[in-house]
Structure formats: C-alpha cells, structure tokens
Amino acid sequence: MKIHYLEPEFAVADTVAPEDFEDIRGQGFRTVICNRLPGEEGYAGENAYAEAAAKAGLQWVCIPVAPGEYSEADVEAFGRALESAPSPVLGFCRTGRRAVHLWAQARALDPQCNIPLLLKAAHEAGHDPQPIREMLEK
C-alpha cells in the first residue's frame, strides 16, 4: 500500500485490504473513504471493510464510483466527508485515481481553490493532472 498526501489532512492510497486498517490507524488516520464498486477484483466488499474499520477505530465512508464516472452527488458526498469526518482522511480505490479525482473536484467547488496547486499535488502523488484539468474545465 502506497500512501501519498495531497494536503495535510488528506492522502490517497492504491488498493487497501481490511487487514491494513490497523496499520492505517497506526499512521494516524482517523477516517477512510472507499471509492471501489461492489464486485471489483480484489475488493472484499463493503461489509468486510466497514467491520475492519470499526475494529481499528476508524470512521468508514463508502462512495462507490466507476472510474471517470463522477456524478455531482458523488463529488458533493466526497466533499461533505472531507469536511465532516475526523481527519486525517485516507481515500482509496484500486489505484488511487478515483480518490484523487473526487478530491480535486470537491476542492474545486470552493471559489478560493488554487487549481494550479491542486494539480501539482495530484502530479506529485503520481497521478496525471491532465484528466483532472479537463474535468475541472467542464
């Protein structure tokens, strides 16, 4: 599991397993947001993750989305989770891309958002900023 911070209170990871939650808590995270869909390869299902999160003392949030298919409701739910859940927050999916995209879109809703810094953070976390730029321009 590779963790990359996009801002001080939010990081993303690639595939996370339920048995990783104790380590995630040990790294100081207080909330986990999952963007995986039911039935995805390597995803044990929301119940297994929610139980492991509770056992580790983590808040669990699940906003399942298909890659590249983010509705306004998905983005708003992600933004609400970032604002209301105990931080720091770790977002994950299979590669981290969905979590990065939802984070970027949620943050960009704020008129004070510094888009160049947002794109730079995504790039430094190993994600191509061009698709994010294109999403934000729509």
C-alpha atoms as a PDB file:
ATOM      1  CA  MET A   1       0.000   0.000   0.000  1.00  0.00           C
ATOM      2  CA  LYS A   2       1.451   3.319  -1.118  1.00  0.00           C
ATOM      3  CA  ILE A   3       0.156   6.451   0.597  1.00  0.00           C
ATOM      4  CA  HIS A   4       0.540   9.932  -0.908  1.00  0.00           C
ATOM      5  CA  TYR A   5      -0.551  13.138   0.827  1.00  0.00           C
ATOM      6  CA  LEU A   6      -2.396  15.641  -1.349  1.00  0.00           C
ATOM      7  CA  GLU A   7      -2.878  18.100   1.502  1.00  0.00           C
ATOM      8  CA  PRO A   8      -2.031  17.931   5.209  1.00  0.00           C
ATOM      9  CA  GLU A   9      -5.310  16.263   6.231  1.00  0.00           C
ATOM     10  CA  PHE A  10      -5.951  14.094   3.142  1.00  0.00           C
ATOM     11  CA  ALA A  11      -3.982  11.323   1.479  1.00  0.00           C
ATOM     12  CA  VAL A  12      -4.704   8.665  -1.131  1.00  0.00           C
ATOM     13  CA  ALA A  13      -3.664   5.059  -1.459  1.00  0.00           C
ATOM     14  CA  ASP A  14      -3.896   2.327  -4.010  1.00  0.00           C
ATOM     15  CA  THR A  15      -5.520  -0.960  -3.076  1.00  0.00           C
ATOM     16  CA  VAL A  16      -6.179  -1.341   0.640  1.00  0.00           C
ATOM     17  CA  ALA A  17      -7.186  -4.610   2.318  1.00  0.00           C
ATOM     18  CA  PRO A  18      -9.177  -4.934   5.551  1.00  0.00           C
ATOM     19  CA  GLU A  19      -6.075  -6.244   7.303  1.00  0.00           C
ATOM     20  CA  ASP A  20      -4.316  -2.920   6.519  1.00  0.00           C
ATOM     21  CA  PHE A  21      -6.627  -0.900   8.757  1.00  0.00           C
ATOM     22  CA  GLU A  22      -4.645  -1.356  11.969  1.00  0.00           C
ATOM     23  CA  ASP A  23      -1.556  -0.038  10.159  1.00  0.00           C
ATOM     24  CA  ILE A  24      -3.595   2.826   8.670  1.00  0.00           C
ATOM     25  CA  ARG A  25      -4.783   3.781  12.156  1.00  0.00           C
ATOM     26  CA  GLY A  26      -1.203   3.449  13.403  1.00  0.00           C
ATOM     27  CA  GLN A  27      -0.139   6.015  10.795  1.00  0.00           C
ATOM     28  CA  GLY A  28      -2.551   8.478  12.371  1.00  0.00           C
ATOM     29  CA  PHE A  29      -5.521   8.302  10.017  1.00  0.00           C
ATOM     30  CA  ARG A  30      -8.951   8.628  11.575  1.00  0.00           C
ATOM     31  CA  THR A  31     -11.222   8.170   8.547  1.00  0.00           C
ATOM     32  CA  VAL A  32     -11.115   6.030   5.415  1.00  0.00           C
ATOM     33  CA  ILE A  33     -13.090   6.841   2.250  1.00  0.00           C
ATOM     34  CA  CYS A  34     -13.503   3.989  -0.232  1.00  0.00           C
ATOM     35  CA  ASN A  35     -14.363   4.590  -3.885  1.00  0.00           C
ATOM     36  CA  ARG A  36     -14.452   0.960  -5.037  1.00  0.00           C
ATOM     37  CA  LEU A  37     -17.515  -0.660  -6.561  1.00  0.00           C
ATOM     38  CA  PRO A  38     -19.064  -3.909  -5.327  1.00  0.00           C
ATOM     39  CA  GLY A  39     -17.668  -6.876  -7.214  1.00  0.00           C
ATOM     40  CA  GLU A  40     -14.376  -5.263  -8.243  1.00  0.00           C
ATOM     41  CA  GLU A  41     -11.493  -7.700  -8.380  1.00  0.00           C
ATOM     42  CA  GLY A  42      -9.580  -7.682  -5.101  1.00  0.00           C
ATOM     43  CA  TYR A  43     -12.340  -5.870  -3.205  1.00  0.00           C
ATOM     44  CA  ALA A  44     -13.739  -7.976  -0.374  1.00  0.00           C
ATOM     45  CA  GLY A  45     -16.926  -5.894  -0.213  1.00  0.00           C
ATOM     46  CA  GLU A  46     -18.067  -3.019   1.913  1.00  0.00           C
ATOM     47  CA  ASN A  47     -19.139  -5.106   4.913  1.00  0.00           C
ATOM     48  CA  ALA A  48     -15.676  -6.630   5.391  1.00  0.00           C
ATOM     49  CA  TYR A  49     -14.072  -3.188   5.159  1.00  0.00           C
ATOM     50  CA  ALA A  50     -16.617  -1.469   7.408  1.00  0.00           C
ATOM     51  CA  GLU A  51     -16.129  -4.140  10.088  1.00  0.00           C
ATOM     52  CA  ALA A  52     -12.333  -3.868   9.870  1.00  0.00           C
ATOM     53  CA  ALA A  53     -12.537  -0.074  10.060  1.00  0.00           C
ATOM     54  CA  ALA A  54     -14.742  -0.216  13.153  1.00  0.00           C
ATOM     55  CA  LYS A  55     -12.426  -2.743  14.785  1.00  0.00           C
ATOM     56  CA  ALA A  56      -9.436  -0.447  14.108  1.00  0.00           C
ATOM     57  CA  GLY A  57     -11.283   2.604  15.436  1.00  0.00           C
ATOM     58  CA  LEU A  58     -11.591   4.271  12.034  1.00  0.00           C
ATOM     59  CA  GLN A  59     -14.590   6.050  10.592  1.00  0.00           C
ATOM     60  CA  TRP A  60     -15.682   4.353   7.360  1.00  0.00           C
ATOM     61  CA  VAL A  61     -17.201   6.163   4.373  1.00  0.00           C
ATOM     62  CA  CYS A  62     -18.055   4.409   1.113  1.00  0.00           C
ATOM     63  CA  ILE A  63     -18.736   6.402  -2.065  1.00  0.00           C
ATOM     64  CA  PRO A  64     -18.562   3.765  -4.818  1.00  0.00           C
ATOM     65  CA  VAL A  65     -17.897   5.156  -8.303  1.00  0.00           C
ATOM     66  CA  ALA A  66     -16.822   3.796 -11.667  1.00  0.00           C
ATOM     67  CA  PRO A  67     -13.545   5.215 -12.990  1.00  0.00           C
ATOM     68  CA  GLY A  68     -14.211   8.508 -14.747  1.00  0.00           C
ATOM     69  CA  GLU A  69     -17.928   8.490 -13.882  1.00  0.00           C
ATOM     70  CA  TYR A  70     -18.396  11.001 -11.085  1.00  0.00           C
ATOM     71  CA  SER A  71     -21.824  12.498 -10.595  1.00  0.00           C
ATOM     72  CA  GLU A  72     -22.421  15.825  -8.892  1.00  0.00           C
ATOM     73  CA  ALA A  73     -23.855  13.861  -5.947  1.00  0.00           C
ATOM     74  CA  ASP A  74     -20.657  11.765  -5.722  1.00  0.00           C
ATOM     75  CA  VAL A  75     -18.457  14.869  -5.673  1.00  0.00           C
ATOM     76  CA  GLU A  76     -20.666  16.565  -3.081  1.00  0.00           C
ATOM     77  CA  ALA A  77     -20.687  13.434  -0.880  1.00  0.00           C
ATOM     78  CA  PHE A  78     -16.893  13.271  -1.067  1.00  0.00           C
ATOM     79  CA  GLY A  79     -16.630  16.959  -0.153  1.00  0.00           C
ATOM     80  CA  ARG A  80     -19.003  16.520   2.803  1.00  0.00           C
ATOM     81  CA  ALA A  81     -16.931  13.570   4.028  1.00  0.00           C
ATOM     82  CA  LEU A  82     -13.733  15.627   3.805  1.00  0.00           C
ATOM     83  CA  GLU A  83     -15.321  18.453   5.761  1.00  0.00           C
ATOM     84  CA  SER A  84     -17.144  16.466   8.437  1.00  0.00           C
ATOM     85  CA  ALA A  85     -15.179  13.259   9.029  1.00  0.00           C
ATOM     86  CA  PRO A  86     -12.385  13.120  11.601  1.00  0.00           C
ATOM     87  CA  SER A  87      -9.050  13.865   9.945  1.00  0.00           C
ATOM     88  CA  PRO A  88      -6.624  12.980   8.657  1.00  0.00           C
ATOM     89  CA  VAL A  89      -8.540  11.106   5.960  1.00  0.00           C
ATOM     90  CA  LEU A  90      -7.257   8.361   3.659  1.00  0.00           C
ATOM     91  CA  GLY A  91      -9.075   7.873   0.357  1.00  0.00           C
ATOM     92  CA  PHE A  92      -8.566   4.758  -1.724  1.00  0.00           C
ATOM     93  CA  CYS A  93      -9.709   2.780  -4.734  1.00  0.00           C
ATOM     94  CA  ARG A  94      -7.774   0.316  -6.894  1.00  0.00           C
ATOM     95  CA  THR A  95      -5.069   2.775  -7.999  1.00  0.00           C
ATOM     96  CA  GLY A  96      -5.947   5.933  -6.071  1.00  0.00           C
ATOM     97  CA  ARG A  97      -7.100   7.735  -9.219  1.00  0.00           C
ATOM     98  CA  ARG A  98     -10.808   7.888  -8.349  1.00  0.00           C
ATOM     99  CA  ALA A  99      -9.982   9.224  -4.888  1.00  0.00           C
ATOM    100  CA  VAL A 100      -7.701  11.886  -6.416  1.00  0.00           C
ATOM    101  CA  HIS A 101     -10.324  12.878  -8.986  1.00  0.00           C
ATOM    102  CA  LEU A 102     -13.113  13.163  -6.421  1.00  0.00           C
ATOM    103  CA  TRP A 103     -10.858  15.122  -4.057  1.00  0.00           C
ATOM    104  CA  ALA A 104      -9.880  17.540  -6.840  1.00  0.00           C
ATOM    105  CA  GLN A 105     -13.453  18.103  -7.961  1.00  0.00           C
ATOM    106  CA  ALA A 106     -14.690  18.554  -4.391  1.00  0.00           C
ATOM    107  CA  ARG A 107     -11.934  21.053  -3.571  1.00  0.00           C
ATOM    108  CA  ALA A 108     -12.506  22.924  -6.855  1.00  0.00           C
ATOM    109  CA  LEU A 109     -16.086  23.722  -5.762  1.00  0.00           C
ATOM    110  CA  ASP A 110     -14.564  26.288  -3.396  1.00  0.00           C
ATOM    111  CA  PRO A 111     -14.119  29.559  -5.311  1.00  0.00           C
ATOM    112  CA  GLN A 112     -10.933  30.164  -3.294  1.00  0.00           C
ATOM    113  CA  CYS A 113      -9.379  26.900  -4.540  1.00  0.00           C
ATOM    114  CA  ASN A 114      -5.922  27.258  -6.049  1.00  0.00           C
ATOM    115  CA  ILE A 115      -6.296  24.981  -9.091  1.00  0.00           C
ATOM    116  CA  PRO A 116      -2.572  25.016 -10.037  1.00  0.00           C
ATOM    117  CA  LEU A 117      -1.635  23.850  -6.515  1.00  0.00           C
ATOM    118  CA  LEU A 118      -4.335  21.186  -6.657  1.00  0.00           C
ATOM    119  CA  LEU A 119      -2.964  19.884  -9.985  1.00  0.00           C
ATOM    120  CA  LYS A 120       0.591  19.990  -8.631  1.00  0.00           C
ATOM    121  CA  ALA A 121      -0.410  17.918  -5.576  1.00  0.00           C
ATOM    122  CA  ALA A 122      -2.038  15.306  -7.818  1.00  0.00           C
ATOM    123  CA  HIS A 123       1.078  15.152 -10.011  1.00  0.00           C
ATOM    124  CA  GLU A 124       3.399  14.837  -7.019  1.00  0.00           C
ATOM    125  CA  ALA A 125       1.234  11.929  -5.798  1.00  0.00           C
ATOM    126  CA  GLY A 126       1.909  10.158  -9.101  1.00  0.00           C
ATOM    127  CA  HIS A 127      -1.330  10.992 -10.909  1.00  0.00           C
ATOM    128  CA  ASP A 128      -1.604  12.650 -14.317  1.00  0.00           C
ATOM    129  CA  PRO A 129      -3.055  16.133 -13.738  1.00  0.00           C
ATOM    130  CA  GLN A 130      -4.336  16.496 -17.329  1.00  0.00           C
ATOM    131  CA  PRO A 131      -7.541  14.441 -16.819  1.00  0.00           C
ATOM    132  CA  ILE A 132      -8.215  16.458 -13.657  1.00  0.00           C
ATOM    133  CA  ARG A 133      -7.682  19.726 -15.532  1.00  0.00           C
ATOM    134  CA  GLU A 134     -10.109  18.544 -18.228  1.00  0.00           C
ATOM    135  CA  MET A 135     -12.739  17.576 -15.609  1.00  0.00           C
ATOM    136  CA  LEU A 136     -12.441  20.932 -13.884  1.00  0.00           C
ATOM    137  CA  GLU A 137     -12.811  22.838 -17.172  1.00  0.00           C
ATOM    138  CA  LYS A 138     -16.188  21.215 -17.902  1.00  0.00           C
END
